[in-house]
Amino acid sequence: MPADPQGRDPKTLWQDQEPETDPVTLDHVHNLARRVDRKTRFLPLAIGASLLFVGFTAGKVWFGAYDPLQRVTAVLMAIGASATYFIVYRMEFPPRDPAEPVSAYLRSRLQRKLSYRQGGWVWAMLPLLPVILIAGYRAVSNEHGQLWPRIAPFAIWGAAWVFLAVRMRIRARQTRAQLQELDALLER
């Protein structure tokens, strides 16, 4: 059974169509994808360097431990940081189906980034909570010395969390704008 009942050549069918007034080329979508990729290009390198630093710090805590709680802290630090970086990597670089069009992949990636930046980053930080709680317990239970040096790390952690929350809000706005730009390109 022929595809065209009138027997016309498919090439002539395409040639007879009127060109779009504002065509969306694949280059527009690819440029947007490159712009998104450019911003996350060094993320795997930063994750690797951070994991090396955390591994070094956990090893130093492990070998300098004088009680079992410090060894548990070292192990939880290594496991928590690894889990956090794995979650961040999976959120930033979702798996891609090779048959999936770049526009669909870019849209799903931007939507995932947006959900991560609108509060999903807190879930990514949860594996670090046991280490923070144990370190807090150790700092408060230590009765030697002044109080300020014992709580200074928690003040730094609190400031880092506030900085991260503000940064994620700004990045969420940027990601939302990129998603709207992609939707506008695809609606044409």
N, C-alpha and C. Protein backbone atom coordinates (compact mmCIF):
# COMPACT_ATOMS: atom_id res chain seq x y z
N MET A 1 0.86 -1.17 0.00
CA MET A 1 0.00 0.00 0.00
C MET A 1 0.90 1.23 0.00
N PRO A 2 0.78 2.11 -0.94
CA PRO A 2 1.63 3.29 -1.00
C PRO A 2 1.27 4.28 0.11
N ALA A 3 2.28 5.03 0.54
CA ALA A 3 2.09 6.01 1.61
C ALA A 3 1.23 7.18 1.16
N ASP A 4 1.34 7.54 -0.12
CA ASP A 4 0.58 8.67 -0.65
C ASP A 4 -0.42 8.12 -1.67
N PRO A 5 -1.72 8.21 -1.38
CA PRO A 5 -2.70 7.62 -2.29
C PRO A 5 -2.72 8.29 -3.66
N GLN A 6 -2.30 9.52 -3.76
CA GLN A 6 -2.33 10.21 -5.04
C GLN A 6 -1.08 9.91 -5.85
N GLY A 7 -0.10 9.24 -5.24
CA GLY A 7 1.11 8.85 -5.96
C GLY A 7 2.10 9.98 -6.14
N ARG A 8 1.98 11.05 -5.36
CA ARG A 8 2.92 12.15 -5.49
C ARG A 8 4.22 11.82 -4.76
N ASP A 9 5.28 12.36 -5.23
CA ASP A 9 6.59 12.16 -4.64
C ASP A 9 6.67 12.93 -3.31
N PRO A 10 7.18 12.30 -2.23
CA PRO A 10 7.26 13.01 -0.94
C PRO A 10 8.10 14.27 -1.01
N LYS A 11 9.09 14.32 -1.88
CA LYS A 11 9.91 15.52 -2.00
C LYS A 11 9.09 16.71 -2.48
N THR A 12 8.19 16.44 -3.37
CA THR A 12 7.36 17.54 -3.87
C THR A 12 6.39 18.03 -2.81
N LEU A 13 5.95 17.11 -1.93
CA LEU A 13 5.07 17.52 -0.84
C LEU A 13 5.80 18.51 0.07
N TRP A 14 7.05 18.24 0.38
CA TRP A 14 7.83 19.12 1.23
C TRP A 14 8.15 20.43 0.52
N GLN A 15 8.41 20.37 -0.73
CA GLN A 15 8.76 21.58 -1.46
C GLN A 15 7.56 22.51 -1.63
N ASP A 16 6.37 21.94 -1.60
CA ASP A 16 5.17 22.75 -1.78
C ASP A 16 4.75 23.48 -0.50
N GLN A 17 5.29 23.10 0.63
CA GLN A 17 4.91 23.74 1.89
C GLN A 17 5.54 25.13 1.98
N GLU A 18 4.80 26.00 2.63
CA GLU A 18 5.30 27.35 2.83
C GLU A 18 6.32 27.34 3.97
N PRO A 19 7.41 28.09 3.84
CA PRO A 19 8.39 28.15 4.93
C PRO A 19 7.81 28.91 6.12
N GLU A 20 8.25 28.54 7.31
CA GLU A 20 7.79 29.20 8.52
C GLU A 20 8.35 30.61 8.55
N THR A 21 7.58 31.52 9.13
CA THR A 21 8.03 32.91 9.18
C THR A 21 9.17 33.08 10.17
N ASP A 22 9.12 32.40 11.29
CA ASP A 22 10.17 32.50 12.30
C ASP A 22 10.58 31.08 12.68
N PRO A 23 11.38 30.44 11.86
CA PRO A 23 11.69 29.05 12.13
C PRO A 23 12.61 28.89 13.34
N VAL A 24 12.32 27.87 14.13
CA VAL A 24 13.19 27.50 15.24
C VAL A 24 14.15 26.48 14.71
N THR A 25 15.38 26.86 14.66
CA THR A 25 16.37 25.92 14.16
C THR A 25 16.92 25.11 15.31
N LEU A 26 17.48 24.02 14.95
CA LEU A 26 18.11 23.17 15.95
C LEU A 26 19.29 23.88 16.59
N ASP A 27 19.86 24.83 15.86
CA ASP A 27 20.99 25.59 16.41
C ASP A 27 20.59 26.40 17.63
N HIS A 28 19.37 26.95 17.65
CA HIS A 28 18.91 27.70 18.82
C HIS A 28 18.91 26.82 20.07
N VAL A 29 18.36 25.63 19.92
CA VAL A 29 18.27 24.70 21.05
C VAL A 29 19.66 24.23 21.45
N HIS A 30 20.50 23.94 20.46
CA HIS A 30 21.86 23.49 20.77
C HIS A 30 22.67 24.60 21.45
N ASN A 31 22.47 25.83 21.06
CA ASN A 31 23.15 26.94 21.73
C ASN A 31 22.73 27.06 23.18
N LEU A 32 21.44 26.88 23.44
CA LEU A 32 20.96 26.91 24.81
C LEU A 32 21.53 25.75 25.60
N ALA A 33 21.60 24.58 24.99
CA ALA A 33 22.18 23.41 25.67
C ALA A 33 23.66 23.64 25.97
N ARG A 34 24.39 24.23 25.03
CA ARG A 34 25.81 24.53 25.26
C ARG A 34 25.98 25.53 26.39
N ARG A 35 25.09 26.51 26.45
CA ARG A 35 25.16 27.50 27.52
C ARG A 35 24.94 26.85 28.89
N VAL A 36 23.99 25.92 28.95
CA VAL A 36 23.74 25.20 30.20
C VAL A 36 24.94 24.32 30.55
N ASP A 37 25.49 23.64 29.55
CA ASP A 37 26.64 22.76 29.79
C ASP A 37 27.88 23.55 30.20
N ARG A 38 28.05 24.73 29.65
CA ARG A 38 29.21 25.55 29.97
C ARG A 38 29.24 25.90 31.45
N LYS A 39 28.07 26.11 32.03
CA LYS A 39 28.00 26.50 33.43
C LYS A 39 28.32 25.33 34.37
N THR A 40 28.09 24.12 33.91
CA THR A 40 28.36 22.95 34.76
C THR A 40 29.57 22.16 34.28
N ARG A 41 30.37 22.73 33.42
CA ARG A 41 31.49 22.02 32.83
C ARG A 41 32.51 21.58 33.88
N PHE A 42 32.79 22.42 34.87
CA PHE A 42 33.81 22.10 35.85
C PHE A 42 33.26 21.45 37.11
N LEU A 43 31.96 21.18 37.15
CA LEU A 43 31.36 20.57 38.34
C LEU A 43 31.96 19.20 38.66
N PRO A 44 32.13 18.28 37.69
CA PRO A 44 32.75 17.00 38.05
C PRO A 44 34.17 17.16 38.60
N LEU A 45 34.93 18.11 38.09
CA LEU A 45 36.27 18.36 38.60
C LEU A 45 36.21 18.89 40.03
N ALA A 46 35.27 19.79 40.29
CA ALA A 46 35.12 20.34 41.65
C ALA A 46 34.66 19.25 42.62
N ILE A 47 33.77 18.37 42.17
CA ILE A 47 33.32 17.27 43.03
C ILE A 47 34.50 16.35 43.34
N GLY A 48 35.30 16.02 42.32
CA GLY A 48 36.45 15.16 42.55
C GLY A 48 37.46 15.77 43.51
N ALA A 49 37.75 17.05 43.35
CA ALA A 49 38.69 17.73 44.25
C ALA A 49 38.13 17.78 45.67
N SER A 50 36.84 18.04 45.79
CA SER A 50 36.21 18.08 47.12
C SER A 50 36.25 16.71 47.78
N LEU A 51 36.01 15.66 47.00
CA LEU A 51 36.07 14.31 47.56
C LEU A 51 37.48 13.95 48.02
N LEU A 52 38.49 14.39 47.28
CA LEU A 52 39.87 14.16 47.72
C LEU A 52 40.15 14.88 49.03
N PHE A 53 39.69 16.12 49.14
CA PHE A 53 39.87 16.88 50.37
C PHE A 53 39.15 16.21 51.54
N VAL A 54 37.91 15.78 51.32
CA VAL A 54 37.15 15.12 52.37
C VAL A 54 37.81 13.81 52.76
N GLY A 55 38.31 13.05 51.76
CA GLY A 55 39.02 11.81 52.06
C GLY A 55 40.27 12.05 52.88
N PHE A 56 41.02 13.09 52.52
CA PHE A 56 42.21 13.44 53.29
C PHE A 56 41.85 13.82 54.72
N THR A 57 40.81 14.64 54.87
CA THR A 57 40.39 15.07 56.20
C THR A 57 39.87 13.89 57.02
N ALA A 58 39.08 13.02 56.39
CA ALA A 58 38.56 11.85 57.11
C ALA A 58 39.71 10.93 57.51
N GLY A 59 40.71 10.76 56.64
CA GLY A 59 41.87 9.95 56.99
C GLY A 59 42.65 10.54 58.14
N LYS A 60 42.78 11.86 58.13
CA LYS A 60 43.50 12.53 59.22
C LYS A 60 42.75 12.36 60.54
N VAL A 61 41.42 12.49 60.51
CA VAL A 61 40.62 12.28 61.72
C VAL A 61 40.72 10.82 62.17
N TRP A 62 40.68 9.88 61.23
CA TRP A 62 40.75 8.46 61.55
C TRP A 62 42.07 8.12 62.24
N PHE A 63 43.18 8.56 61.66
CA PHE A 63 44.48 8.19 62.21
C PHE A 63 44.84 8.99 63.46
N GLY A 64 44.19 10.12 63.67
CA GLY A 64 44.44 10.90 64.88
C GLY A 64 43.41 10.64 65.97
N ALA A 65 42.54 9.66 65.75
CA ALA A 65 41.45 9.39 66.69
C ALA A 65 41.99 8.79 67.98
N TYR A 66 41.44 9.25 69.09
CA TYR A 66 41.80 8.69 70.38
C TYR A 66 40.60 8.03 71.06
N ASP A 67 39.46 8.02 70.40
CA ASP A 67 38.30 7.27 70.91
C ASP A 67 37.46 6.78 69.73
N PRO A 68 36.60 5.80 69.95
CA PRO A 68 35.81 5.22 68.85
C PRO A 68 34.85 6.22 68.19
N LEU A 69 34.38 7.22 68.93
CA LEU A 69 33.45 8.19 68.36
C LEU A 69 34.13 9.02 67.26
N GLN A 70 35.41 9.31 67.41
CA GLN A 70 36.12 10.04 66.36
C GLN A 70 36.26 9.18 65.11
N ARG A 71 36.48 7.89 65.27
CA ARG A 71 36.56 7.01 64.10
C ARG A 71 35.21 6.91 63.39
N VAL A 72 34.14 6.85 64.17
CA VAL A 72 32.80 6.84 63.59
C VAL A 72 32.56 8.14 62.84
N THR A 73 33.01 9.25 63.42
CA THR A 73 32.87 10.55 62.76
C THR A 73 33.61 10.56 61.42
N ALA A 74 34.82 10.00 61.39
CA ALA A 74 35.60 9.96 60.16
C ALA A 74 34.89 9.14 59.09
N VAL A 75 34.36 7.99 59.47
CA VAL A 75 33.65 7.14 58.50
C VAL A 75 32.38 7.82 58.01
N LEU A 76 31.61 8.40 58.93
CA LEU A 76 30.38 9.09 58.53
C LEU A 76 30.67 10.31 57.66
N MET A 77 31.81 10.96 57.91
CA MET A 77 32.18 12.11 57.09
C MET A 77 32.45 11.66 55.66
N ALA A 78 33.20 10.58 55.50
CA ALA A 78 33.52 10.08 54.15
C ALA A 78 32.25 9.59 53.44
N ILE A 79 31.42 8.84 54.14
CA ILE A 79 30.20 8.30 53.53
C ILE A 79 29.21 9.43 53.22
N GLY A 80 29.02 10.36 54.16
CA GLY A 80 28.08 11.46 53.96
C GLY A 80 28.48 12.37 52.81
N ALA A 81 29.76 12.69 52.72
CA ALA A 81 30.22 13.55 51.63
C ALA A 81 30.10 12.83 50.29
N SER A 82 30.43 11.54 50.25
CA SER A 82 30.30 10.79 49.01
C SER A 82 28.84 10.73 48.56
N ALA A 83 27.94 10.47 49.50
CA ALA A 83 26.51 10.41 49.16
C ALA A 83 26.00 11.77 48.69
N THR A 84 26.42 12.83 49.36
CA THR A 84 26.00 14.18 48.96
C THR A 84 26.47 14.50 47.56
N TYR A 85 27.73 14.23 47.27
CA TYR A 85 28.25 14.55 45.93
C TYR A 85 27.63 13.66 44.86
N PHE A 86 27.29 12.43 45.21
CA PHE A 86 26.62 11.55 44.25
C PHE A 86 25.23 12.11 43.92
N ILE A 87 24.51 12.55 44.94
CA ILE A 87 23.17 13.11 44.73
C ILE A 87 23.27 14.38 43.88
N VAL A 88 24.23 15.25 44.19
CA VAL A 88 24.40 16.48 43.42
C VAL A 88 24.73 16.15 41.97
N TYR A 89 25.61 15.19 41.74
CA TYR A 89 25.98 14.83 40.38
C TYR A 89 24.77 14.29 39.61
N ARG A 90 23.98 13.44 40.26
CA ARG A 90 22.79 12.89 39.60
C ARG A 90 21.75 13.96 39.32
N MET A 91 21.67 14.98 40.17
CA MET A 91 20.72 16.06 39.93
C MET A 91 21.19 16.95 38.79
N GLU A 92 22.47 17.19 38.70
CA GLU A 92 22.99 18.07 37.66
C GLU A 92 23.13 17.37 36.30
N PHE A 93 23.41 16.08 36.30
CA PHE A 93 23.64 15.34 35.06
C PHE A 93 22.75 14.09 35.02
N PRO A 94 21.46 14.24 34.71
CA PRO A 94 20.59 13.07 34.64
C PRO A 94 20.98 12.19 33.45
N PRO A 95 20.71 10.89 33.55
CA PRO A 95 21.03 10.01 32.42
C PRO A 95 20.21 10.40 31.19
N ARG A 96 20.80 10.18 30.03
CA ARG A 96 20.13 10.57 28.79
C ARG A 96 19.93 9.37 27.90
N ASP A 97 18.75 9.29 27.33
CA ASP A 97 18.46 8.28 26.33
C ASP A 97 19.03 8.78 25.01
N PRO A 98 19.87 7.98 24.32
CA PRO A 98 20.47 8.46 23.08
C PRO A 98 19.46 8.81 22.00
N ALA A 99 18.28 8.22 22.05
CA ALA A 99 17.26 8.50 21.04
C ALA A 99 16.43 9.73 21.39
N GLU A 100 16.62 10.27 22.56
CA GLU A 100 15.84 11.41 23.00
C GLU A 100 16.33 12.69 22.31
N PRO A 101 15.44 13.51 21.82
CA PRO A 101 15.87 14.77 21.19
C PRO A 101 16.53 15.69 22.22
N VAL A 102 17.43 16.52 21.75
CA VAL A 102 18.17 17.40 22.66
C VAL A 102 17.24 18.37 23.37
N SER A 103 16.17 18.78 22.71
CA SER A 103 15.24 19.71 23.34
C SER A 103 14.51 19.05 24.53
N ALA A 104 14.12 17.79 24.38
CA ALA A 104 13.45 17.09 25.48
C ALA A 104 14.41 16.84 26.63
N TYR A 105 15.66 16.47 26.30
CA TYR A 105 16.65 16.24 27.34
C TYR A 105 16.97 17.54 28.07
N LEU A 106 17.13 18.62 27.33
CA LEU A 106 17.44 19.91 27.94
C LEU A 106 16.29 20.36 28.83
N ARG A 107 15.07 20.16 28.38
CA ARG A 107 13.91 20.54 29.20
C ARG A 107 13.86 19.74 30.49
N SER A 108 14.05 18.42 30.40
CA SER A 108 14.02 17.60 31.62
C SER A 108 15.18 17.96 32.55
N ARG A 109 16.32 18.27 31.96
CA ARG A 109 17.48 18.64 32.77
C ARG A 109 17.24 19.97 33.49
N LEU A 110 16.67 20.94 32.79
CA LEU A 110 16.38 22.23 33.41
C LEU A 110 15.30 22.10 34.47
N GLN A 111 14.29 21.27 34.23
CA GLN A 111 13.25 21.07 35.24
C GLN A 111 13.84 20.41 36.49
N ARG A 112 14.74 19.46 36.27
CA ARG A 112 15.39 18.80 37.40
C ARG A 112 16.25 19.77 38.19
N LYS A 113 17.01 20.61 37.48
CA LYS A 113 17.82 21.62 38.15
C LYS A 113 16.94 22.58 38.94
N LEU A 114 15.81 22.96 38.36
CA LEU A 114 14.92 23.88 39.04
C LEU A 114 14.38 23.27 40.33
N SER A 115 13.97 22.01 40.28
CA SER A 115 13.47 21.38 41.51
C SER A 115 14.58 21.22 42.54
N TYR A 116 15.80 20.98 42.07
CA TYR A 116 16.95 20.89 42.98
C TYR A 116 17.22 22.24 43.63
N ARG A 117 17.12 23.29 42.86
CA ARG A 117 17.46 24.61 43.37
C ARG A 117 16.32 25.23 44.17
N GLN A 118 15.11 24.69 44.06
CA GLN A 118 13.99 25.22 44.82
C GLN A 118 13.77 24.47 46.14
N GLY A 119 14.71 23.68 46.54
CA GLY A 119 14.59 23.00 47.83
C GLY A 119 15.16 21.60 47.83
N GLY A 120 15.42 21.05 46.67
CA GLY A 120 15.99 19.71 46.62
C GLY A 120 17.42 19.65 47.14
N TRP A 121 18.09 20.81 47.18
CA TRP A 121 19.46 20.84 47.68
C TRP A 121 19.51 20.47 49.16
N VAL A 122 18.43 20.70 49.88
CA VAL A 122 18.39 20.32 51.30
C VAL A 122 18.46 18.80 51.42
N TRP A 123 17.76 18.08 50.53
CA TRP A 123 17.81 16.62 50.55
C TRP A 123 19.21 16.11 50.21
N ALA A 124 19.90 16.84 49.36
CA ALA A 124 21.27 16.44 49.00
C ALA A 124 22.22 16.61 50.18
N MET A 125 21.91 17.52 51.08
CA MET A 125 22.78 17.77 52.23
C MET A 125 22.46 16.87 53.43
N LEU A 126 21.36 16.17 53.39
CA LEU A 126 20.97 15.32 54.53
C LEU A 126 22.00 14.26 54.91
N PRO A 127 22.74 13.65 53.97
CA PRO A 127 23.74 12.68 54.41
C PRO A 127 24.84 13.26 55.30
N LEU A 128 24.99 14.58 55.32
CA LEU A 128 26.00 15.21 56.17
C LEU A 128 25.48 15.46 57.59
N LEU A 129 24.18 15.32 57.80
CA LEU A 129 23.58 15.62 59.09
C LEU A 129 24.16 14.78 60.24
N PRO A 130 24.38 13.46 60.10
CA PRO A 130 24.96 12.71 61.22
C PRO A 130 26.32 13.23 61.66
N VAL A 131 27.16 13.62 60.72
CA VAL A 131 28.48 14.15 61.07
C VAL A 131 28.34 15.46 61.82
N ILE A 132 27.43 16.31 61.37
CA ILE A 132 27.22 17.60 62.03
C ILE A 132 26.70 17.39 63.45
N LEU A 133 25.77 16.45 63.61
CA LEU A 133 25.22 16.18 64.95
C LEU A 133 26.27 15.61 65.89
N ILE A 134 27.08 14.69 65.40
CA ILE A 134 28.14 14.11 66.25
C ILE A 134 29.17 15.17 66.61
N ALA A 135 29.56 15.99 65.63
CA ALA A 135 30.52 17.06 65.91
C ALA A 135 29.93 18.06 66.91
N GLY A 136 28.64 18.35 66.79
CA GLY A 136 27.99 19.24 67.75
C GLY A 136 27.97 18.65 69.14
N TYR A 137 27.67 17.37 69.23
CA TYR A 137 27.67 16.70 70.54
C TYR A 137 29.06 16.76 71.16
N ARG A 138 30.08 16.48 70.36
CA ARG A 138 31.45 16.50 70.88
C ARG A 138 31.85 17.90 71.32
N ALA A 139 31.46 18.91 70.56
CA ALA A 139 31.84 20.28 70.91
C ALA A 139 31.14 20.76 72.17
N VAL A 140 29.89 20.42 72.33
CA VAL A 140 29.14 20.87 73.51
C VAL A 140 29.54 20.07 74.75
N SER A 141 29.81 18.79 74.57
CA SER A 141 30.16 17.96 75.74
C SER A 141 31.58 18.20 76.23
N ASN A 142 32.42 18.80 75.40
CA ASN A 142 33.78 19.12 75.81
C ASN A 142 33.73 20.31 76.76
N GLU A 143 34.16 20.12 77.99
CA GLU A 143 34.05 21.19 78.98
C GLU A 143 35.34 21.99 79.11
N HIS A 144 36.34 21.69 78.32
CA HIS A 144 37.61 22.39 78.42
C HIS A 144 37.62 23.60 77.48
N GLY A 145 38.12 24.70 77.96
CA GLY A 145 38.26 25.88 77.13
C GLY A 145 37.01 26.74 77.09
N GLN A 146 37.11 27.79 76.30
CA GLN A 146 36.01 28.73 76.19
C GLN A 146 34.93 28.18 75.25
N LEU A 147 33.76 28.78 75.36
CA LEU A 147 32.62 28.33 74.56
C LEU A 147 32.76 28.73 73.08
N TRP A 148 33.26 29.95 72.81
CA TRP A 148 33.31 30.44 71.44
C TRP A 148 34.10 29.52 70.50
N PRO A 149 35.30 29.06 70.82
CA PRO A 149 36.00 28.16 69.89
C PRO A 149 35.25 26.85 69.64
N ARG A 150 34.44 26.45 70.59
CA ARG A 150 33.69 25.21 70.40
C ARG A 150 32.49 25.40 69.48
N ILE A 151 31.89 26.59 69.49
CA ILE A 151 30.71 26.79 68.64
C ILE A 151 31.05 27.52 67.34
N ALA A 152 32.29 27.95 67.18
CA ALA A 152 32.69 28.66 65.95
C ALA A 152 32.43 27.82 64.69
N PRO A 153 32.76 26.50 64.68
CA PRO A 153 32.46 25.73 63.47
C PRO A 153 30.97 25.72 63.11
N PHE A 154 30.10 25.77 64.12
CA PHE A 154 28.67 25.76 63.85
C PHE A 154 28.20 27.11 63.33
N ALA A 155 28.84 28.17 63.77
CA ALA A 155 28.54 29.49 63.21
C ALA A 155 28.95 29.53 61.74
N ILE A 156 30.09 28.93 61.42
CA ILE A 156 30.54 28.86 60.03
C ILE A 156 29.59 27.99 59.21
N TRP A 157 29.16 26.84 59.77
CA TRP A 157 28.20 25.98 59.07
C TRP A 157 26.90 26.73 58.83
N GLY A 158 26.42 27.46 59.83
CA GLY A 158 25.18 28.22 59.67
C GLY A 158 25.30 29.28 58.59
N ALA A 159 26.43 29.98 58.58
CA ALA A 159 26.65 30.99 57.54
C ALA A 159 26.73 30.34 56.16
N ALA A 160 27.36 29.17 56.08
CA ALA A 160 27.45 28.45 54.80
C ALA A 160 26.06 28.03 54.32
N TRP A 161 25.20 27.58 55.23
CA TRP A 161 23.84 27.18 54.85
C TRP A 161 23.03 28.38 54.37
N VAL A 162 23.18 29.53 55.03
CA VAL A 162 22.47 30.73 54.60
C VAL A 162 22.97 31.16 53.22
N PHE A 163 24.30 31.15 53.03
CA PHE A 163 24.88 31.49 51.73
C PHE A 163 24.36 30.56 50.64
N LEU A 164 24.32 29.26 50.95
CA LEU A 164 23.85 28.27 49.97
C LEU A 164 22.37 28.48 49.65
N ALA A 165 21.57 28.80 50.65
CA ALA A 165 20.14 29.03 50.41
C ALA A 165 19.92 30.24 49.52
N VAL A 166 20.66 31.33 49.77
CA VAL A 166 20.52 32.53 48.94
C VAL A 166 21.01 32.25 47.52
N ARG A 167 22.13 31.55 47.41
CA ARG A 167 22.68 31.22 46.10
C ARG A 167 21.72 30.34 45.30
N MET A 168 21.09 29.38 45.96
CA MET A 168 20.14 28.50 45.27
C MET A 168 18.91 29.26 44.81
N ARG A 169 18.48 30.25 45.57
CA ARG A 169 17.33 31.06 45.13
C ARG A 169 17.67 31.85 43.88
N ILE A 170 18.87 32.42 43.85
CA ILE A 170 19.31 33.18 42.67
C ILE A 170 19.42 32.25 41.47
N ARG A 171 20.03 31.10 41.68
CA ARG A 171 20.18 30.15 40.57
C ARG A 171 18.84 29.58 40.13
N ALA A 172 17.89 29.45 41.03
CA ALA A 172 16.56 28.98 40.65
C ALA A 172 15.90 29.98 39.71
N ARG A 173 16.07 31.27 39.98
CA ARG A 173 15.53 32.29 39.07
C ARG A 173 16.18 32.19 37.70
N GLN A 174 17.49 31.99 37.66
CA GLN A 174 18.19 31.86 36.38
C GLN A 174 17.73 30.62 35.63
N THR A 175 17.56 29.52 36.33
CA THR A 175 17.12 28.28 35.69
C THR A 175 15.69 28.42 35.18
N ARG A 176 14.84 29.09 35.95
CA ARG A 176 13.46 29.33 35.51
C ARG A 176 13.45 30.17 34.24
N ALA A 177 14.34 31.16 34.15
CA ALA A 177 14.42 31.99 32.95
C ALA A 177 14.90 31.16 31.75
N GLN A 178 15.86 30.27 31.97
CA GLN A 178 16.32 29.40 30.88
C GLN A 178 15.21 28.47 30.42
N LEU A 179 14.44 27.95 31.35
CA LEU A 179 13.34 27.06 31.02
C LEU A 179 12.27 27.81 30.23
N GLN A 180 11.98 29.04 30.62
CA GLN A 180 11.01 29.84 29.88
C GLN A 180 11.52 30.17 28.48
N GLU A 181 12.84 30.41 28.36
CA GLU A 181 13.42 30.68 27.04
C GLU A 181 13.30 29.45 26.14
N LEU A 182 13.56 28.28 26.71
CA LEU A 182 13.44 27.04 25.92
C LEU A 182 11.99 26.80 25.52
N ASP A 183 11.05 27.01 26.44
CA ASP A 183 9.64 26.84 26.11
C ASP A 183 9.21 27.81 25.02
N ALA A 184 9.70 29.04 25.08
CA ALA A 184 9.37 30.01 24.04
C ALA A 184 9.93 29.57 22.69
N LEU A 185 11.13 29.01 22.69
CA LEU A 185 11.72 28.51 21.43
C LEU A 185 10.91 27.34 20.87
N LEU A 186 10.47 26.46 21.74
CA LEU A 186 9.75 25.28 21.28
C LEU A 186 8.32 25.57 20.87
N GLU A 187 7.74 26.67 21.36
CA GLU A 187 6.37 27.01 20.99
C GLU A 187 6.26 27.67 19.63
N ARG A 188 7.34 28.16 19.10
CA ARG A 188 7.30 28.85 17.80
C ARG A 188 6.95 27.91 16.69
